[in-house]
Amino acid sequence: MAISSVVKNFRDGTLTLEDGAGSPASVIIQYEAGDFSLSGLHQSTKETTTYLDRGDLASVRHTNRTFPTFSFSAHLTDLSDGSENTLPDIILKSGNFGSAVSTLGASADVYTLKLTWTIEGTDHGDTADHVITLDDCRVSLDIAEGDPNSFSVSGTVYGGMTLT
């Protein structure tokens, strides 16, 4: 398989949030700016600590686990709805997502979601679309007034991550 020769851009992405139910409830993020960002990726997902011997490097070791973070923004179109899936509702576990289940399990103390970023590839001649899946994400929502009003979403990935 050859590496794609088509550079991907903000027009090629789709973001989806879903809960942990057996048949997951989900929302495809609408009217988003195409500014998804994923930070803190390392081969080992561990902190690196240096140990010095009288000021000189003696050893480099892995210590505590690290947790990647992500962010994106979207234009505000709706806040809450009892019959339609909205971005605030899935994050805040309200409205149509009032009975949503954490991806950590129904009895989990922390409500987490799965985030999937799908980057279109097949329309550009690639053999498949490209997908990043982030499991067990604690997601936070900020709302701001402006032109347009907007959502800022950020989160921490506590579970697994796959890139295909």
C-alpha atoms as a PDB file:
ATOM      1  CA  MET A   1       0.000   0.000   0.000  1.00  0.00           C
ATOM      2  CA  ALA A   2       1.407   3.397  -0.964  1.00  0.00           C
ATOM      3  CA  ILE A   3       1.231   6.466   1.235  1.00  0.00           C
ATOM      4  CA  SER A   4      -1.512   8.813   0.096  1.00  0.00           C
ATOM      5  CA  SER A   5      -0.407  11.676  -2.109  1.00  0.00           C
ATOM      6  CA  VAL A   6      -3.399  13.814  -1.118  1.00  0.00           C
ATOM      7  CA  VAL A   7      -2.871  16.235   1.742  1.00  0.00           C
ATOM      8  CA  LYS A   8      -5.880  16.138   4.063  1.00  0.00           C
ATOM      9  CA  ASN A   9      -7.452  19.352   5.398  1.00  0.00           C
ATOM     10  CA  PHE A  10     -10.300  20.575   7.604  1.00  0.00           C
ATOM     11  CA  ARG A  11     -12.886  19.729   4.944  1.00  0.00           C
ATOM     12  CA  ASP A  12     -12.110  16.010   5.263  1.00  0.00           C
ATOM     13  CA  GLY A  13     -12.881  15.455   8.954  1.00  0.00           C
ATOM     14  CA  THR A  14     -15.899  14.293  10.925  1.00  0.00           C
ATOM     15  CA  LEU A  15     -16.062  14.208  14.722  1.00  0.00           C
ATOM     16  CA  THR A  16     -18.396  11.857  16.585  1.00  0.00           C
ATOM     17  CA  LEU A  17     -19.033  11.528  20.325  1.00  0.00           C
ATOM     18  CA  GLU A  18     -20.742   8.450  21.713  1.00  0.00           C
ATOM     19  CA  ASP A  19     -21.597   6.996  25.084  1.00  0.00           C
ATOM     20  CA  GLY A  20     -20.867   3.512  26.401  1.00  0.00           C
ATOM     21  CA  ALA A  21     -24.293   1.894  26.029  1.00  0.00           C
ATOM     22  CA  GLY A  22     -24.580  -1.477  24.285  1.00  0.00           C
ATOM     23  CA  SER A  23     -26.093   0.383  21.325  1.00  0.00           C
ATOM     24  CA  PRO A  24     -24.213   3.655  21.773  1.00  0.00           C
ATOM     25  CA  ALA A  25     -26.059   6.942  21.620  1.00  0.00           C
ATOM     26  CA  SER A  26     -24.017   9.336  19.531  1.00  0.00           C
ATOM     27  CA  VAL A  27     -23.843  12.772  18.011  1.00  0.00           C
ATOM     28  CA  ILE A  28     -21.951  13.817  14.902  1.00  0.00           C
ATOM     29  CA  ILE A  29     -20.637  17.298  15.612  1.00  0.00           C
ATOM     30  CA  GLN A  30     -22.324  19.791  13.282  1.00  0.00           C
ATOM     31  CA  TYR A  31     -21.065  23.188  12.221  1.00  0.00           C
ATOM     32  CA  GLU A  32     -17.621  22.663  13.632  1.00  0.00           C
ATOM     33  CA  ALA A  33     -14.693  24.802  12.603  1.00  0.00           C
ATOM     34  CA  GLY A  34     -12.378  22.001  11.516  1.00  0.00           C
ATOM     35  CA  ASP A  35      -9.825  22.791  14.224  1.00  0.00           C
ATOM     36  CA  PHE A  36      -9.615  19.450  16.063  1.00  0.00           C
ATOM     37  CA  SER A  37      -6.329  19.125  17.932  1.00  0.00           C
ATOM     38  CA  LEU A  38      -4.827  16.114  19.723  1.00  0.00           C
ATOM     39  CA  SER A  39      -1.818  16.686  21.984  1.00  0.00           C
ATOM     40  CA  GLY A  40       0.564  14.717  24.151  1.00  0.00           C
ATOM     41  CA  LEU A  41       1.091  11.604  22.052  1.00  0.00           C
ATOM     42  CA  HIS A  42       4.113   9.522  23.008  1.00  0.00           C
ATOM     43  CA  GLN A  43       5.215   6.035  22.049  1.00  0.00           C
ATOM     44  CA  SER A  44       4.854   4.804  25.621  1.00  0.00           C
ATOM     45  CA  THR A  45       2.245   7.181  27.129  1.00  0.00           C
ATOM     46  CA  LYS A  46       4.588   7.570  30.087  1.00  0.00           C
ATOM     47  CA  GLU A  47       6.343  10.559  31.602  1.00  0.00           C
ATOM     48  CA  THR A  48      10.071  10.629  31.064  1.00  0.00           C
ATOM     49  CA  THR A  49      12.244  11.368  34.069  1.00  0.00           C
ATOM     50  CA  THR A  50      15.954  12.018  34.055  1.00  0.00           C
ATOM     51  CA  TYR A  51      18.221  10.999  36.909  1.00  0.00           C
ATOM     52  CA  LEU A  52      21.431  12.893  37.376  1.00  0.00           C
ATOM     53  CA  ASP A  53      24.756  11.850  38.820  1.00  0.00           C
ATOM     54  CA  ARG A  54      26.258  15.015  40.242  1.00  0.00           C
ATOM     55  CA  GLY A  55      24.806  17.094  37.445  1.00  0.00           C
ATOM     56  CA  ASP A  56      25.435  14.680  34.568  1.00  0.00           C
ATOM     57  CA  LEU A  57      22.839  12.468  32.922  1.00  0.00           C
ATOM     58  CA  ALA A  58      22.904   9.032  34.525  1.00  0.00           C
ATOM     59  CA  SER A  59      19.628   7.494  33.374  1.00  0.00           C
ATOM     60  CA  VAL A  60      16.376   8.243  31.583  1.00  0.00           C
ATOM     61  CA  ARG A  61      13.325   6.307  32.780  1.00  0.00           C
ATOM     62  CA  HIS A  62       9.620   6.083  32.240  1.00  0.00           C
ATOM     63  CA  THR A  63       7.479   6.859  35.287  1.00  0.00           C
ATOM     64  CA  ASN A  64       3.818   7.888  35.536  1.00  0.00           C
ATOM     65  CA  ARG A  65       1.279   7.409  32.778  1.00  0.00           C
ATOM     66  CA  THR A  66       0.456  10.454  30.670  1.00  0.00           C
ATOM     67  CA  PHE A  67      -2.941  11.248  29.231  1.00  0.00           C
ATOM     68  CA  PRO A  68      -3.320  12.904  25.818  1.00  0.00           C
ATOM     69  CA  THR A  69      -5.667  15.866  25.516  1.00  0.00           C
ATOM     70  CA  PHE A  70      -7.821  17.155  22.680  1.00  0.00           C
ATOM     71  CA  SER A  71      -9.843  20.206  21.744  1.00  0.00           C
ATOM     72  CA  PHE A  72     -12.117  21.513  19.017  1.00  0.00           C
ATOM     73  CA  SER A  73     -14.685  24.231  18.506  1.00  0.00           C
ATOM     74  CA  ALA A  74     -18.122  24.344  16.955  1.00  0.00           C
ATOM     75  CA  HIS A  75     -20.727  26.964  16.173  1.00  0.00           C
ATOM     76  CA  LEU A  76     -23.642  27.122  18.608  1.00  0.00           C
ATOM     77  CA  THR A  77     -26.898  26.088  16.977  1.00  0.00           C
ATOM     78  CA  ASP A  78     -28.828  24.510  19.853  1.00  0.00           C
ATOM     79  CA  LEU A  79     -28.277  23.912  23.543  1.00  0.00           C
ATOM     80  CA  SER A  80     -30.613  21.178  24.720  1.00  0.00           C
ATOM     81  CA  ASP A  81     -33.387  19.123  23.237  1.00  0.00           C
ATOM     82  CA  GLY A  82     -35.416  16.278  24.662  1.00  0.00           C
ATOM     83  CA  SER A  83     -35.736  14.484  21.341  1.00  0.00           C
ATOM     84  CA  GLU A  84     -32.694  15.517  19.262  1.00  0.00           C
ATOM     85  CA  ASN A  85     -29.016  14.842  19.932  1.00  0.00           C
ATOM     86  CA  THR A  86     -27.075  18.003  20.727  1.00  0.00           C
ATOM     87  CA  LEU A  87     -23.413  18.566  21.559  1.00  0.00           C
ATOM     88  CA  PRO A  88     -24.073  20.081  25.006  1.00  0.00           C
ATOM     89  CA  ASP A  89     -26.503  17.293  25.909  1.00  0.00           C
ATOM     90  CA  ILE A  90     -24.052  14.442  25.258  1.00  0.00           C
ATOM     91  CA  ILE A  91     -21.255  16.206  27.160  1.00  0.00           C
ATOM     92  CA  LEU A  92     -23.457  17.264  30.096  1.00  0.00           C
ATOM     93  CA  LYS A  93     -25.514  14.027  30.135  1.00  0.00           C
ATOM     94  CA  SER A  94     -28.751  15.964  29.805  1.00  0.00           C
ATOM     95  CA  GLY A  95     -31.712  16.289  27.443  1.00  0.00           C
ATOM     96  CA  ASN A  96     -31.806  13.420  24.974  1.00  0.00           C
ATOM     97  CA  PHE A  97     -28.663  11.982  26.649  1.00  0.00           C
ATOM     98  CA  GLY A  98     -30.075  12.031  30.198  1.00  0.00           C
ATOM     99  CA  SER A  99     -29.698   8.259  30.449  1.00  0.00           C
ATOM    100  CA  ALA A 100     -26.338   8.066  28.660  1.00  0.00           C
ATOM    101  CA  VAL A 101     -23.854   5.500  29.963  1.00  0.00           C
ATOM    102  CA  SER A 102     -20.196   6.247  30.700  1.00  0.00           C
ATOM    103  CA  THR A 103     -17.721   4.373  28.497  1.00  0.00           C
ATOM    104  CA  LEU A 104     -16.130   3.309  31.799  1.00  0.00           C
ATOM    105  CA  GLY A 105     -19.347   1.415  32.654  1.00  0.00           C
ATOM    106  CA  ALA A 106     -22.842   2.050  33.943  1.00  0.00           C
ATOM    107  CA  SER A 107     -21.705   2.312  37.570  1.00  0.00           C
ATOM    108  CA  ALA A 108     -18.566   4.374  36.876  1.00  0.00           C
ATOM    109  CA  ASP A 109     -17.941   7.378  39.083  1.00  0.00           C
ATOM    110  CA  VAL A 110     -16.755   9.447  36.101  1.00  0.00           C
ATOM    111  CA  TYR A 111     -18.840  10.032  32.971  1.00  0.00           C
ATOM    112  CA  THR A 112     -16.677   9.510  29.891  1.00  0.00           C
ATOM    113  CA  LEU A 113     -17.304   9.327  26.155  1.00  0.00           C
ATOM    114  CA  LYS A 114     -15.688   7.893  23.046  1.00  0.00           C
ATOM    115  CA  LEU A 115     -14.495  10.389  20.442  1.00  0.00           C
ATOM    116  CA  THR A 116     -13.870   9.344  16.847  1.00  0.00           C
ATOM    117  CA  TRP A 117     -12.209  11.567  14.260  1.00  0.00           C
ATOM    118  CA  THR A 118     -12.731  10.203  10.756  1.00  0.00           C
ATOM    119  CA  ILE A 119     -10.637  11.732   7.985  1.00  0.00           C
ATOM    120  CA  GLU A 120     -11.976  11.106   4.486  1.00  0.00           C
ATOM    121  CA  GLY A 121      -9.530   9.080   2.403  1.00  0.00           C
ATOM    122  CA  THR A 122     -11.472   6.917  -0.037  1.00  0.00           C
ATOM    123  CA  ASP A 123     -12.869   9.947  -1.884  1.00  0.00           C
ATOM    124  CA  HIS A 124      -9.241  10.937  -2.537  1.00  0.00           C
ATOM    125  CA  GLY A 125      -8.121   7.559  -3.859  1.00  0.00           C
ATOM    126  CA  ASP A 126      -6.867   6.140  -0.552  1.00  0.00           C
ATOM    127  CA  THR A 127      -7.671   2.517   0.215  1.00  0.00           C
ATOM    128  CA  ALA A 128      -9.627   3.549   3.333  1.00  0.00           C
ATOM    129  CA  ASP A 129     -10.662   6.493   5.456  1.00  0.00           C
ATOM    130  CA  HIS A 130      -8.292   7.388   8.297  1.00  0.00           C
ATOM    131  CA  VAL A 131      -9.652   7.098  11.827  1.00  0.00           C
ATOM    132  CA  ILE A 132      -8.463   8.127  15.279  1.00  0.00           C
ATOM    133  CA  THR A 133     -10.481   6.634  18.128  1.00  0.00           C
ATOM    134  CA  LEU A 134     -10.109   7.981  21.659  1.00  0.00           C
ATOM    135  CA  ASP A 135     -11.676   5.886  24.422  1.00  0.00           C
ATOM    136  CA  ASP A 136     -12.829   6.936  27.883  1.00  0.00           C
ATOM    137  CA  CYS A 137     -12.600  10.695  27.372  1.00  0.00           C
ATOM    138  CA  ARG A 138     -13.624  13.124  30.097  1.00  0.00           C
ATOM    139  CA  VAL A 139     -15.053  16.009  28.068  1.00  0.00           C
ATOM    140  CA  SER A 140     -15.548  19.651  29.054  1.00  0.00           C
ATOM    141  CA  LEU A 141     -17.677  22.293  27.333  1.00  0.00           C
ATOM    142  CA  ASP A 142     -17.277  26.077  27.227  1.00  0.00           C
ATOM    143  CA  ILE A 143     -19.882  28.346  25.632  1.00  0.00           C
ATOM    144  CA  ALA A 144     -19.132  31.846  24.358  1.00  0.00           C
ATOM    145  CA  GLU A 145     -21.136  34.638  22.812  1.00  0.00           C
ATOM    146  CA  GLY A 146     -19.803  36.208  19.644  1.00  0.00           C
ATOM    147  CA  ASP A 147     -20.215  36.255  15.911  1.00  0.00           C
ATOM    148  CA  PRO A 148     -21.031  33.420  15.857  1.00  0.00           C
ATOM    149  CA  ASN A 149     -21.782  32.071  19.318  1.00  0.00           C
ATOM    150  CA  SER A 150     -19.561  29.070  19.892  1.00  0.00           C
ATOM    151  CA  PHE A 151     -18.724  25.931  21.795  1.00  0.00           C
ATOM    152  CA  SER A 152     -15.172  25.134  22.842  1.00  0.00           C
ATOM    153  CA  VAL A 153     -14.712  21.490  23.707  1.00  0.00           C
ATOM    154  CA  SER A 154     -11.714  19.973  25.435  1.00  0.00           C
ATOM    155  CA  GLY A 155     -11.002  16.625  26.965  1.00  0.00           C
ATOM    156  CA  THR A 156      -8.556  14.151  28.422  1.00  0.00           C
ATOM    157  CA  VAL A 157      -8.139  10.626  27.081  1.00  0.00           C
ATOM    158  CA  TYR A 158      -8.030   8.081  29.918  1.00  0.00           C
ATOM    159  CA  GLY A 159      -8.530   4.961  27.816  1.00  0.00           C
ATOM    160  CA  GLY A 160      -7.010   3.482  24.713  1.00  0.00           C
ATOM    161  CA  MET A 161      -6.273   5.201  21.456  1.00  0.00           C
ATOM    162  CA  THR A 162      -6.127   3.755  17.948  1.00  0.00           C
ATOM    163  CA  LEU A 163      -4.929   5.345  14.718  1.00  0.00           C
ATOM    164  CA  THR A 164      -5.830   3.583  11.467  1.00  0.00           C
END
